[in-house]
Amino acid sequence: MPADRRASWLKGVLDLLVLAGLTEGENYGYEIAKSLAEAGLGEIKGGTLYPVLNRLEEAGLVTAEFRATERGPGRRYYSLTPQGRATLAEQGAMWLTFDASVRSLLARGDVR
């Protein structure tokens, strides 16, 4: 039986999905992971998500702000920057073109 390739597919597009997830406003890591899981992408562990968030922050695509909470540990809230929005628009369009090509080729094999 062939290996499940979803993890490698996700790795290639996770940055873009995190940016897309922040278009509706700021959020913190656990909620970002939860929304990705609810979208059908499976559980995204912190060891996978936080390096992505750090990389996006270093690239200037998101900003992060630490906030203390009344109970429990504080949280880092992430927000999309204007550069992040522009990157999402550009890379999102490229991904949709790629997706259409993949779908077209798979349709030839009658894959459903």
Protein backbone atom coordinates (compact mmCIF):
# COMPACT_ATOMS: atom_id res chain seq x y z
CA MET A 1 0.00 0.00 0.00
CA PRO A 2 1.44 3.44 -0.93
CA ALA A 3 2.47 5.78 1.85
CA ASP A 4 0.07 8.52 2.95
CA ARG A 5 1.49 11.67 1.38
CA ARG A 6 -0.78 14.18 3.12
CA ALA A 7 1.94 15.22 5.59
CA SER A 8 4.37 16.11 2.80
CA TRP A 9 1.62 17.92 0.86
CA LEU A 10 0.71 19.90 3.97
CA LYS A 11 4.33 20.81 4.63
CA GLY A 12 4.48 22.45 1.21
CA VAL A 13 1.43 24.64 1.77
CA LEU A 14 1.24 25.16 5.55
CA ASP A 15 2.76 28.66 5.47
CA LEU A 16 0.09 29.73 2.99
CA LEU A 17 -2.69 28.12 5.05
CA VAL A 18 -1.54 29.90 8.21
CA LEU A 19 -1.53 33.23 6.38
CA ALA A 20 -5.01 32.50 5.03
CA GLY A 21 -6.19 31.62 8.52
CA LEU A 22 -5.16 35.05 9.78
CA THR A 23 -7.14 37.03 7.20
CA GLU A 24 -10.12 37.30 9.55
CA GLY A 25 -8.01 38.79 12.35
CA GLU A 26 -5.41 38.02 14.94
CA ASN A 27 -5.20 34.63 16.60
CA TYR A 28 -2.91 32.50 18.75
CA GLY A 29 -1.24 29.20 17.95
CA TYR A 30 -3.69 26.78 19.54
CA GLU A 31 -6.67 28.39 17.79
CA ILE A 32 -4.81 28.47 14.47
CA ALA A 33 -4.09 24.74 14.79
CA LYS A 34 -7.70 24.10 15.79
CA SER A 35 -9.07 25.94 12.74
CA LEU A 36 -6.75 23.99 10.44
CA ALA A 37 -7.94 20.73 11.99
CA GLU A 38 -11.58 21.80 11.61
CA ALA A 39 -10.89 22.49 7.92
CA GLY A 40 -10.00 18.82 7.54
CA LEU A 41 -6.22 19.07 7.61
CA GLY A 42 -5.72 16.91 10.68
CA GLU A 43 -3.89 17.71 13.87
CA ILE A 44 -1.05 20.21 13.45
CA LYS A 45 1.26 19.81 16.41
CA GLY A 46 3.01 22.76 18.02
CA GLY A 47 6.39 21.43 16.90
CA THR A 48 5.19 21.93 13.34
CA LEU A 49 3.10 25.09 13.71
CA TYR A 50 5.34 27.31 15.84
CA PRO A 51 8.38 27.09 13.55
CA VAL A 52 6.06 28.16 10.70
CA LEU A 53 4.78 31.11 12.74
CA ASN A 54 8.34 32.09 13.69
CA ARG A 55 9.46 31.89 10.05
CA LEU A 56 6.50 34.02 8.94
CA GLU A 57 7.28 36.57 11.65
CA GLU A 58 10.96 36.72 10.68
CA ALA A 59 9.92 37.26 7.05
CA GLY A 60 7.70 40.19 8.08
CA LEU A 61 4.52 38.43 6.97
CA VAL A 62 2.99 38.34 10.46
CA THR A 63 3.51 40.25 13.66
CA ALA A 64 3.33 38.71 17.10
CA GLU A 65 2.34 40.23 20.42
CA PHE A 66 2.60 38.48 23.77
CA ARG A 67 -0.33 39.05 26.10
CA ALA A 68 -0.62 37.96 29.69
CA THR A 69 -3.84 36.26 30.76
CA GLU A 70 -5.64 36.29 34.10
CA ARG A 71 -5.44 32.53 34.30
CA GLY A 72 -2.87 30.24 32.79
CA PRO A 73 0.09 31.12 30.64
CA GLY A 74 0.19 34.16 28.37
CA ARG A 75 -0.31 33.83 24.65
CA ARG A 76 1.37 35.15 21.52
CA TYR A 77 -1.21 36.62 19.18
CA TYR A 78 -0.32 36.68 15.49
CA SER A 79 -1.61 39.18 12.92
CA LEU A 80 -1.17 39.42 9.19
CA THR A 81 0.93 42.35 7.95
CA PRO A 82 0.30 44.19 4.67
CA GLN A 83 3.28 42.28 3.24
CA GLY A 84 1.68 39.05 4.49
CA ARG A 85 -1.58 39.92 2.71
CA ALA A 86 0.29 40.66 -0.52
CA THR A 87 2.24 37.40 -0.24
CA LEU A 88 -0.98 35.48 0.43
CA ALA A 89 -2.63 37.01 -2.65
CA GLU A 90 0.36 36.22 -4.88
CA GLN A 91 1.15 32.76 -3.53
CA GLY A 92 -2.53 31.88 -3.16
CA ALA A 93 -3.11 32.59 -6.85
CA MET A 94 -0.09 30.47 -7.74
CA TRP A 95 -1.36 27.62 -5.56
CA LEU A 96 -4.82 27.75 -7.16
CA THR A 97 -3.23 27.54 -10.62
CA PHE A 98 -1.14 24.57 -9.47
CA ASP A 99 -4.22 22.95 -7.91
CA ALA A 100 -6.16 23.33 -11.17
CA SER A 101 -3.32 21.64 -13.07
CA VAL A 102 -3.21 18.74 -10.61
CA ARG A 103 -6.99 18.34 -10.73
CA SER A 104 -6.93 18.34 -14.52
CA LEU A 105 -4.32 15.62 -14.65
CA LEU A 106 -6.03 13.52 -11.99
CA ALA A 107 -9.36 13.82 -13.81
CA ARG A 108 -7.77 12.08 -16.78
CA GLY A 109 -7.31 9.05 -14.57
CA ASP A 110 -10.91 9.30 -13.35
CA VAL A 111 -9.76 9.82 -9.74
CA ARG A 112 -12.54 10.83 -7.37
